C-alpha atoms as a PDB file:
ATOM      1  CA  MET A   1      -8.085  42.018   1.080  1.00  0.00           C
ATOM      2  CA  LYS A   2      -5.151  39.756   1.859  1.00  0.00           C
ATOM      3  CA  LYS A   3      -6.637  38.848   5.250  1.00  0.00           C
ATOM      4  CA  THR A   4      -9.981  38.057   3.606  1.00  0.00           C
ATOM      5  CA  THR A   5      -8.294  35.774   1.062  1.00  0.00           C
ATOM      6  CA  LEU A   6      -6.421  33.929   3.798  1.00  0.00           C
ATOM      7  CA  LEU A   7      -9.603  33.577   5.843  1.00  0.00           C
ATOM      8  CA  LEU A   8     -11.498  32.169   2.873  1.00  0.00           C
ATOM      9  CA  ALA A   9      -8.624  29.820   2.160  1.00  0.00           C
ATOM     10  CA  SER A  10      -8.636  28.592   5.754  1.00  0.00           C
ATOM     11  CA  ILE A  11     -12.402  28.065   5.701  1.00  0.00           C
ATOM     12  CA  THR A  12     -12.161  26.224   2.381  1.00  0.00           C
ATOM     13  CA  CYS A  13      -9.335  24.067   3.688  1.00  0.00           C
ATOM     14  CA  CYS A  14     -11.326  23.151   6.818  1.00  0.00           C
ATOM     15  CA  PHE A  15     -14.372  22.348   4.698  1.00  0.00           C
ATOM     16  CA  VAL A  16     -12.304  20.088   2.457  1.00  0.00           C
ATOM     17  CA  LEU A  17     -10.855  18.331   5.492  1.00  0.00           C
ATOM     18  CA  LEU A  18     -14.328  17.618   6.852  1.00  0.00           C
ATOM     19  CA  LEU A  19     -15.505  16.209   3.523  1.00  0.00           C
ATOM     20  CA  ALA A  20     -12.344  14.163   3.083  1.00  0.00           C
ATOM     21  CA  CYS A  21     -12.645  12.199   6.322  1.00  0.00           C
ATOM     22  CA  SER A  22     -13.161   8.457   6.058  1.00  0.00           C
ATOM     23  CA  LYS A  23     -12.506   5.390   8.209  1.00  0.00           C
ATOM     24  CA  VAL A  24      -9.884   2.683   7.758  1.00  0.00           C
ATOM     25  CA  PRO A  25     -11.333  -0.844   7.548  1.00  0.00           C
ATOM     26  CA  ILE A  26     -10.967  -2.953  10.731  1.00  0.00           C
ATOM     27  CA  THR A  27      -9.456  -0.223  12.934  1.00  0.00           C
ATOM     28  CA  ASN A  28     -12.160   2.356  12.081  1.00  0.00           C
ATOM     29  CA  ARG A  29      -9.525   5.047  12.520  1.00  0.00           C
ATOM     30  CA  LYS A  30     -10.546   8.337  10.952  1.00  0.00           C
ATOM     31  CA  GLN A  31      -8.239   9.461   8.161  1.00  0.00           C
ATOM     32  CA  VAL A  32      -8.022  12.470   5.870  1.00  0.00           C
ATOM     33  CA  SER A  33      -7.700  11.771   2.152  1.00  0.00           C
ATOM     34  CA  LEU A  34      -7.745  15.060   0.263  1.00  0.00           C
ATOM     35  CA  ILE A  35      -6.933  13.694  -3.181  1.00  0.00           C
ATOM     36  CA  PRO A  36      -9.729  12.083  -5.216  1.00  0.00           C
ATOM     37  CA  GLU A  37      -8.890   8.375  -5.343  1.00  0.00           C
ATOM     38  CA  GLY A  38      -9.728   8.331  -9.051  1.00  0.00           C
ATOM     39  CA  GLU A  39      -6.927  10.815  -9.672  1.00  0.00           C
ATOM     40  CA  LEU A  40      -4.443   8.639  -7.799  1.00  0.00           C
ATOM     41  CA  ILE A  41      -5.534   5.561  -9.739  1.00  0.00           C
ATOM     42  CA  SER A  42      -5.043   7.473 -12.988  1.00  0.00           C
ATOM     43  CA  LEU A  43      -1.581   8.600 -11.902  1.00  0.00           C
ATOM     44  CA  SER A  44      -0.680   5.085 -10.762  1.00  0.00           C
ATOM     45  CA  LEU A  45      -1.545   3.616 -14.160  1.00  0.00           C
ATOM     46  CA  THR A  46       0.913   5.981 -15.849  1.00  0.00           C
ATOM     47  CA  GLU A  47       3.649   5.423 -13.278  1.00  0.00           C
ATOM     48  CA  TYR A  48       3.123   1.653 -13.243  1.00  0.00           C
ATOM     49  CA  GLN A  49       3.441   1.368 -17.007  1.00  0.00           C
ATOM     50  CA  SER A  50       6.548   3.553 -16.937  1.00  0.00           C
ATOM     51  CA  PHE A  51       8.088   1.313 -14.308  1.00  0.00           C
ATOM     52  CA  LEU A  52       7.325  -1.870 -16.260  1.00  0.00           C
ATOM     53  CA  LYS A  53       8.755  -0.327 -19.424  1.00  0.00           C
ATOM     54  CA  ALA A  54      12.025   0.308 -17.613  1.00  0.00           C
ATOM     55  CA  ASN A  55      11.814  -2.997 -15.725  1.00  0.00           C
ATOM     56  CA  PRO A  56      10.250  -5.624 -18.025  1.00  0.00           C
ATOM     57  CA  PRO A  57       8.288  -8.170 -15.977  1.00  0.00           C
ATOM     58  CA  VAL A  58       9.304 -11.824 -15.869  1.00  0.00           C
ATOM     59  CA  ALA A  59       7.429 -13.825 -18.528  1.00  0.00           C
ATOM     60  CA  ALA A  60       4.038 -15.070 -17.390  1.00  0.00           C
ATOM     61  CA  SER A  61       5.110 -18.619 -18.303  1.00  0.00           C
ATOM     62  CA  ASP A  62       7.851 -18.550 -15.640  1.00  0.00           C
ATOM     63  CA  PRO A  63       6.802 -20.635 -12.581  1.00  0.00           C
ATOM     64  CA  GLN A  64       7.655 -17.844 -10.132  1.00  0.00           C
ATOM     65  CA  ALA A  65       5.734 -15.246 -12.152  1.00  0.00           C
ATOM     66  CA  THR A  66       2.809 -17.673 -12.350  1.00  0.00           C
ATOM     67  CA  MET A  67       2.918 -18.060  -8.573  1.00  0.00           C
ATOM     68  CA  VAL A  68       2.831 -14.290  -8.060  1.00  0.00           C
ATOM     69  CA  LYS A  69      -0.167 -13.926 -10.372  1.00  0.00           C
ATOM     70  CA  GLN A  70      -2.012 -16.836  -8.749  1.00  0.00           C
ATOM     71  CA  ILE A  71      -1.457 -15.486  -5.247  1.00  0.00           C
ATOM     72  CA  GLY A  72      -2.503 -12.025  -6.408  1.00  0.00           C
ATOM     73  CA  SER A  73      -5.676 -13.357  -8.007  1.00  0.00           C
ATOM     74  CA  LYS A  74      -6.669 -15.224  -4.829  1.00  0.00           C
ATOM     75  CA  ILE A  75      -6.032 -12.191  -2.626  1.00  0.00           C
ATOM     76  CA  GLN A  76      -7.932  -9.977  -5.079  1.00  0.00           C
ATOM     77  CA  GLN A  77     -10.947 -12.261  -4.652  1.00  0.00           C
ATOM     78  CA  SER A  78     -10.649 -12.192  -0.857  1.00  0.00           C
ATOM     79  CA  VAL A  79     -10.363  -8.387  -0.859  1.00  0.00           C
ATOM     80  CA  THR A  80     -13.480  -8.106  -3.018  1.00  0.00           C
ATOM     81  CA  LYS A  81     -15.335 -10.518  -0.733  1.00  0.00           C
ATOM     82  CA  TYR A  82     -14.244  -8.804   2.486  1.00  0.00           C
ATOM     83  CA  MET A  83     -15.171  -5.356   1.205  1.00  0.00           C
ATOM     84  CA  ALA A  84     -18.584  -6.594   0.054  1.00  0.00           C
ATOM     85  CA  GLN A  85     -19.272  -8.311   3.390  1.00  0.00           C
ATOM     86  CA  ASN A  86     -18.483  -5.078   5.217  1.00  0.00           C
ATOM     87  CA  LYS A  87     -20.318  -2.792   2.795  1.00  0.00           C
ATOM     88  CA  LEU A  88     -17.062  -1.166   1.701  1.00  0.00           C
ATOM     89  CA  SER A  89     -17.020  -2.141  -1.975  1.00  0.00           C
ATOM     90  CA  LYS A  90     -16.954   1.532  -2.932  1.00  0.00           C
ATOM     91  CA  ARG A  91     -13.303   1.667  -1.783  1.00  0.00           C
ATOM     92  CA  LEU A  92     -12.433  -0.608  -4.709  1.00  0.00           C
ATOM     93  CA  GLU A  93     -14.051   1.512  -7.422  1.00  0.00           C
ATOM     94  CA  GLY A  94     -11.658   1.978 -10.333  1.00  0.00           C
ATOM     95  CA  PHE A  95      -9.337  -0.869  -9.286  1.00  0.00           C
ATOM     96  CA  LYS A  96      -7.784  -2.667 -12.253  1.00  0.00           C
ATOM     97  CA  TRP A  97      -5.597  -5.301 -10.677  1.00  0.00           C
ATOM     98  CA  GLU A  98      -2.201  -6.283 -12.063  1.00  0.00           C
ATOM     99  CA  PHE A  99       0.409  -8.570 -10.529  1.00  0.00           C
ATOM    100  CA  ASN A 100       3.915  -8.663 -11.949  1.00  0.00           C
ATOM    101  CA  LEU A 101       7.264 -10.126 -10.960  1.00  0.00           C
ATOM    102  CA  VAL A 102      10.366  -8.185 -11.984  1.00  0.00           C
ATOM    103  CA  ASN A 103      13.915  -9.519 -12.101  1.00  0.00           C
ATOM    104  CA  ASP A 104      15.631  -7.466  -9.401  1.00  0.00           C
ATOM    105  CA  LYS A 105      17.709  -8.630  -6.423  1.00  0.00           C
ATOM    106  CA  THR A 106      16.147  -5.977  -4.207  1.00  0.00           C
ATOM    107  CA  ILE A 107      14.086  -7.443  -1.357  1.00  0.00           C
ATOM    108  CA  ASN A 108      10.945  -5.496  -2.044  1.00  0.00           C
ATOM    109  CA  ALA A 109       7.305  -5.435  -3.149  1.00  0.00           C
ATOM    110  CA  TRP A 110       4.728  -2.674  -3.434  1.00  0.00           C
ATOM    111  CA  CYS A 111       1.172  -1.876  -4.497  1.00  0.00           C
ATOM    112  CA  MET A 112       0.007   1.370  -6.086  1.00  0.00           C
ATOM    113  CA  PRO A 113      -3.583   2.684  -5.960  1.00  0.00           C
ATOM    114  CA  GLY A 114      -5.908   0.639  -8.137  1.00  0.00           C
ATOM    115  CA  GLY A 115      -4.227  -2.680  -7.318  1.00  0.00           C
ATOM    116  CA  LYS A 116      -1.006  -2.268  -9.316  1.00  0.00           C
ATOM    117  CA  VAL A 117       1.365  -4.767  -7.671  1.00  0.00           C
ATOM    118  CA  VAL A 118       5.052  -5.509  -8.260  1.00  0.00           C
ATOM    119  CA  VAL A 119       7.106  -8.214  -6.551  1.00  0.00           C
ATOM    120  CA  TYR A 120      10.904  -8.285  -6.887  1.00  0.00           C
ATOM    121  CA  THR A 121      12.639 -11.639  -7.414  1.00  0.00           C
ATOM    122  CA  GLY A 122      14.994 -10.784  -4.537  1.00  0.00           C
ATOM    123  CA  LEU A 123      12.067 -11.067  -2.140  1.00  0.00           C
ATOM    124  CA  LEU A 124      11.408 -14.719  -2.996  1.00  0.00           C
ATOM    125  CA  ALA A 125      14.621 -15.907  -1.350  1.00  0.00           C
ATOM    126  CA  VAL A 126      13.332 -14.534   1.957  1.00  0.00           C
ATOM    127  CA  THR A 127       9.656 -15.451   1.696  1.00  0.00           C
ATOM    128  CA  GLN A 128      10.712 -19.041   0.862  1.00  0.00           C
ATOM    129  CA  THR A 129       7.106 -20.297   0.863  1.00  0.00           C
ATOM    130  CA  GLU A 130       4.025 -19.408  -1.139  1.00  0.00           C
ATOM    131  CA  ALA A 131       2.148 -18.610   2.068  1.00  0.00           C
ATOM    132  CA  ALA A 132       4.835 -16.179   3.255  1.00  0.00           C
ATOM    133  CA  LEU A 133       4.781 -14.408  -0.110  1.00  0.00           C
ATOM    134  CA  ALA A 134       1.004 -14.157   0.210  1.00  0.00           C
ATOM    135  CA  MET A 135       1.480 -12.443   3.581  1.00  0.00           C
ATOM    136  CA  VAL A 136       3.746  -9.812   2.019  1.00  0.00           C
ATOM    137  CA  MET A 137       1.461  -9.253  -0.964  1.00  0.00           C
ATOM    138  CA  GLY A 138      -1.566  -9.060   1.315  1.00  0.00           C
ATOM    139  CA  HIS A 139       0.236  -6.465   3.432  1.00  0.00           C
ATOM    140  CA  GLU A 140       1.164  -4.288   0.447  1.00  0.00           C
ATOM    141  CA  ILE A 141      -2.328  -4.576  -1.044  1.00  0.00           C
ATOM    142  CA  ALA A 142      -3.746  -3.587   2.347  1.00  0.00           C
ATOM    143  CA  HIS A 143      -1.868  -0.272   2.161  1.00  0.00           C
ATOM    144  CA  ALA A 144      -3.677   0.506  -1.113  1.00  0.00           C
ATOM    145  CA  VAL A 145      -7.088  -0.611   0.159  1.00  0.00           C
ATOM    146  CA  ALA A 146      -6.637   1.411   3.362  1.00  0.00           C
ATOM    147  CA  ARG A 147      -5.586   4.411   1.235  1.00  0.00           C
ATOM    148  CA  HIS A 148      -2.502   5.029   3.329  1.00  0.00           C
ATOM    149  CA  GLY A 149      -0.721   6.564   0.338  1.00  0.00           C
ATOM    150  CA  ASN A 150      -3.514   9.082  -0.162  1.00  0.00           C
ATOM    151  CA  GLU A 151      -3.283   9.950   3.501  1.00  0.00           C
ATOM    152  CA  ARG A 152       0.451  10.632   3.461  1.00  0.00           C
ATOM    153  CA  MET A 153       0.236  12.457   0.117  1.00  0.00           C
ATOM    154  CA  SER A 154      -2.466  14.661   1.632  1.00  0.00           C
ATOM    155  CA  GLN A 155      -0.167  15.420   4.549  1.00  0.00           C
ATOM    156  CA  GLN A 156       2.607  16.327   2.113  1.00  0.00           C
ATOM    157  CA  LEU A 157       0.320  18.607   0.117  1.00  0.00           C
ATOM    158  CA  MET A 158      -0.862  20.377   3.258  1.00  0.00           C
ATOM    159  CA  THR A 159       2.723  20.813   4.434  1.00  0.00           C
ATOM    160  CA  GLN A 160       4.210  21.949   1.116  1.00  0.00           C
ATOM    161  CA  ALA A 161       1.291  23.725  -0.489  1.00  0.00           C
ATOM    162  CA  GLY A 162      -0.700  25.234   2.359  1.00  0.00           C
ATOM    163  CA  GLY A 163      -4.288  26.462   2.174  1.00  0.00           C
ATOM    164  CA  VAL A 164      -4.649  28.259  -1.178  1.00  0.00           C
ATOM    165  CA  ALA A 165      -2.027  26.247  -3.065  1.00  0.00           C
ATOM    166  CA  LEU A 166      -3.589  23.004  -1.851  1.00  0.00           C
ATOM    167  CA  GLY A 167      -6.821  23.780  -3.668  1.00  0.00           C
ATOM    168  CA  VAL A 168      -4.917  24.698  -6.818  1.00  0.00           C
ATOM    169  CA  ALA A 169      -2.838  21.521  -6.703  1.00  0.00           C
ATOM    170  CA  LEU A 170      -5.905  19.337  -6.383  1.00  0.00           C
ATOM    171  CA  GLN A 171      -8.040  21.186  -8.904  1.00  0.00           C
ATOM    172  CA  ASN A 172      -5.443  21.497 -11.654  1.00  0.00           C
ATOM    173  CA  LYS A 173      -3.710  18.147 -11.122  1.00  0.00           C
ATOM    174  CA  SER A 174      -0.487  20.121 -11.115  1.00  0.00           C
ATOM    175  CA  ALA A 175       3.037  18.865 -11.595  1.00  0.00           C
ATOM    176  CA  GLU A 176       3.459  19.297  -7.848  1.00  0.00           C
ATOM    177  CA  THR A 177       0.712  16.733  -7.229  1.00  0.00           C
ATOM    178  CA  LYS A 178       2.463  14.282  -9.563  1.00  0.00           C
ATOM    179  CA  ALA A 179       5.817  14.921  -7.908  1.00  0.00           C
ATOM    180  CA  ILE A 180       4.372  14.162  -4.482  1.00  0.00           C
ATOM    181  CA  PHE A 181       2.794  11.003  -5.919  1.00  0.00           C
ATOM    182  CA  GLN A 182       6.180   9.892  -7.204  1.00  0.00           C
ATOM    183  CA  THR A 183       7.676  10.540  -3.782  1.00  0.00           C
ATOM    184  CA  ALA A 184       4.922   8.582  -2.051  1.00  0.00           C
ATOM    185  CA  TYR A 185       4.759   5.683  -4.493  1.00  0.00           C
ATOM    186  CA  GLY A 186       8.039   6.044  -6.382  1.00  0.00           C
ATOM    187  CA  ALA A 187       9.775   2.981  -7.777  1.00  0.00           C
ATOM    188  CA  GLY A 188      12.932   2.309  -9.703  1.00  0.00           C
ATOM    189  CA  ALA A 189      15.267   5.288  -9.714  1.00  0.00           C
ATOM    190  CA  ALA A 190      13.101   7.151  -7.199  1.00  0.00           C
ATOM    191  CA  VAL A 191      12.863   4.287  -4.737  1.00  0.00           C
ATOM    192  CA  GLY A 192      15.080   6.053  -2.228  1.00  0.00           C
ATOM    193  CA  LEU A 193      12.597   8.917  -2.067  1.00  0.00           C
ATOM    194  CA  ILE A 194       9.619   6.831  -0.986  1.00  0.00           C
ATOM    195  CA  LEU A 195       7.976   8.290   2.083  1.00  0.00           C
ATOM    196  CA  PRO A 196       8.077   5.733   4.906  1.00  0.00           C
ATOM    197  CA  TYR A 197       4.755   4.520   6.196  1.00  0.00           C
ATOM    198  CA  SER A 198       4.151   5.285   9.845  1.00  0.00           C
ATOM    199  CA  ARG A 199       4.063   2.511  12.410  1.00  0.00           C
ATOM    200  CA  LEU A 200       0.333   3.141  12.669  1.00  0.00           C
ATOM    201  CA  HIS A 201      -0.078   2.464   8.949  1.00  0.00           C
ATOM    202  CA  GLU A 202       2.120  -0.612   9.239  1.00  0.00           C
ATOM    203  CA  THR A 203       0.007  -2.053  12.035  1.00  0.00           C
ATOM    204  CA  GLU A 204      -3.176  -1.445  10.065  1.00  0.00           C
ATOM    205  CA  ALA A 205      -1.715  -3.023   6.924  1.00  0.00           C
ATOM    206  CA  ASP A 206      -0.466  -5.996   8.942  1.00  0.00           C
ATOM    207  CA  LYS A 207      -3.933  -6.673  10.335  1.00  0.00           C
ATOM    208  CA  LEU A 208      -5.844  -6.156   7.109  1.00  0.00           C
ATOM    209  CA  GLY A 209      -3.204  -8.032   5.103  1.00  0.00           C
ATOM    210  CA  LEU A 210      -3.383 -11.048   7.429  1.00  0.00           C
ATOM    211  CA  ILE A 211      -7.137 -11.228   6.935  1.00  0.00           C
ATOM    212  CA  PHE A 212      -6.917 -10.883   3.146  1.00  0.00           C
ATOM    213  CA  ALA A 213      -4.274 -13.618   2.868  1.00  0.00           C
ATOM    214  CA  ALA A 214      -6.070 -15.893   5.353  1.00  0.00           C
ATOM    215  CA  MET A 215      -9.325 -15.566   3.417  1.00  0.00           C
ATOM    216  CA  ALA A 216      -7.380 -16.529   0.293  1.00  0.00           C
ATOM    217  CA  GLY A 217      -6.409 -19.812   1.962  1.00  0.00           C
ATOM    218  CA  TYR A 218      -2.908 -18.937   3.190  1.00  0.00           C
ATOM    219  CA  ASP A 219      -1.775 -19.617   6.758  1.00  0.00           C
ATOM    220  CA  PRO A 220      -1.363 -16.219   8.522  1.00  0.00           C
ATOM    221  CA  ARG A 221       1.102 -17.793  10.958  1.00  0.00           C
ATOM    222  CA  GLU A 222       3.696 -17.491   8.191  1.00  0.00           C
ATOM    223  CA  ALA A 223       3.780 -13.692   8.650  1.00  0.00           C
ATOM    224  CA  PRO A 224       5.732 -13.552  11.942  1.00  0.00           C
ATOM    225  CA  LYS A 225       8.199 -16.130  10.594  1.00  0.00           C
ATOM    226  CA  PHE A 226       8.801 -13.998   7.490  1.00  0.00           C
ATOM    227  CA  TRP A 227       9.405 -10.798   9.463  1.00  0.00           C
ATOM    228  CA  GLN A 228      11.799 -12.653  11.745  1.00  0.00           C
ATOM    229  CA  ARG A 229      13.774 -13.707   8.660  1.00  0.00           C
ATOM    230  CA  MET A 230      13.679 -10.110   7.418  1.00  0.00           C
ATOM    231  CA  ALA A 231      14.952  -8.801  10.743  1.00  0.00           C
ATOM    232  CA  ALA A 232      17.820 -11.303  10.585  1.00  0.00           C
ATOM    233  CA  LYS A 233      18.884  -9.747   7.264  1.00  0.00           C
ATOM    234  CA  GLY A 234      19.239  -6.277   8.801  1.00  0.00           C
ATOM    235  CA  GLY A 235      22.568  -4.546   9.153  1.00  0.00           C
ATOM    236  CA  ALA A 236      24.308  -1.350   8.147  1.00  0.00           C
ATOM    237  CA  LYS A 237      21.992  -1.151   5.138  1.00  0.00           C
ATOM    238  CA  PRO A 238      18.748  -3.024   5.751  1.00  0.00           C
ATOM    239  CA  PRO A 239      16.649  -4.494   2.899  1.00  0.00           C
ATOM    240  CA  GLU A 240      14.282  -2.093   1.124  1.00  0.00           C
ATOM    241  CA  LEU A 241      11.271  -3.539   2.911  1.00  0.00           C
ATOM    242  CA  LEU A 242      12.873  -2.787   6.269  1.00  0.00           C
ATOM    243  CA  SER A 243      13.850   0.753   5.296  1.00  0.00           C
ATOM    244  CA  THR A 244      10.227   1.700   4.611  1.00  0.00           C
ATOM    245  CA  HIS A 245       8.501  -0.895   6.785  1.00  0.00           C
ATOM    246  CA  PRO A 246       9.642  -0.737  10.422  1.00  0.00           C
ATOM    247  CA  SER A 247      10.233  -4.274  11.631  1.00  0.00           C
ATOM    248  CA  ASP A 248      11.267  -5.318  15.116  1.00  0.00           C
ATOM    249  CA  ALA A 249      10.388  -7.705  17.927  1.00  0.00           C
ATOM    250  CA  ASN A 250       7.376  -5.556  18.795  1.00  0.00           C
ATOM    251  CA  ARG A 251       5.992  -5.989  15.283  1.00  0.00           C
ATOM    252  CA  VAL A 252       6.196  -9.769  15.530  1.00  0.00           C
ATOM    253  CA  LYS A 253       4.573  -9.509  18.963  1.00  0.00           C
ATOM    254  CA  GLU A 254       1.682  -7.489  17.524  1.00  0.00           C
ATOM    255  CA  LEU A 255       1.247  -9.955  14.656  1.00  0.00           C
ATOM    256  CA  ASN A 256       1.013 -12.842  17.102  1.00  0.00           C
ATOM    257  CA  LYS A 257      -1.370 -10.828  19.264  1.00  0.00           C
ATOM    258  CA  PHE A 258      -3.720 -10.344  16.300  1.00  0.00           C
ATOM    259  CA  MET A 259      -3.290 -13.946  15.096  1.00  0.00           C
ATOM    260  CA  PRO A 260      -6.397 -15.406  16.829  1.00  0.00           C
ATOM    261  CA  GLN A 261      -8.530 -12.870  14.954  1.00  0.00           C
ATOM    262  CA  ALA A 262      -6.823 -13.595  11.630  1.00  0.00           C
ATOM    263  CA  LEU A 263      -7.156 -17.356  12.086  1.00  0.00           C
ATOM    264  CA  LYS A 264     -10.934 -16.974  12.199  1.00  0.00           C
ATOM    265  CA  TYR A 265     -10.731 -16.174   8.479  1.00  0.00           C
ATOM    266  CA  TYR A 266      -8.317 -18.969   7.621  1.00  0.00           C
ATOM    267  CA  LYS A 267      -9.748 -21.941   5.758  1.00  0.00           C
ATOM    268  CA  PRO A 268      -6.982 -24.047   4.155  1.00  0.00           C
ATOM    269  CA  SER A 269      -7.681 -24.600   0.470  1.00  0.00           C
END
């Protein structure tokens, strides 16, 4: 009986994996996303509001907060346009975009599923220009659009839960699923627990982010300059963005390598 249960669990798990396969925009890499995106968007709304309650956003009337919202709005429009042009609009179902600036010296920014974006004031000293900030926001938004978080959460569920427990976690929206979400997308007190994106994810987000920002009217050539400034701030304890976003000379090289493609989308506003 036990062997039969395990066999059925394995078959079910394989079936779920086949159904959960999708392709990342631009790279067309196949990925496995086991968690319904709608569930992640629902979880992100709760976590995002909790974060903002603990970290009140800078008033919308503040010039820097206004800049963040304006950049976010332009990139949102370019994302919508790009997805529509490539018949991928379904990936944006359930997105309810929000762009907030929080007063924190940490050099960081992130985007949860559904387009929930936060930029830390500490990041602005390094971005220095509106275009550079657009590159960072485009990159973080690209992670959400590419569903990288779903992919790494799925890997965590498969590792921690295994065959039978995986189905239970997904079906019942268990506390374990929420805990893994907090690890994957955590902010505030849990920021140190965030799972690092792989270099593969970073490269994909770099490429997609450059296109989104370029379509929004921002010069993609600002991206390598920003990451060079970030690398210069490294040390014994690198900035938050560097701890979860590998950055080195090779990254800048790859950005410059992809630049001709990104510039095709760039039309100065």
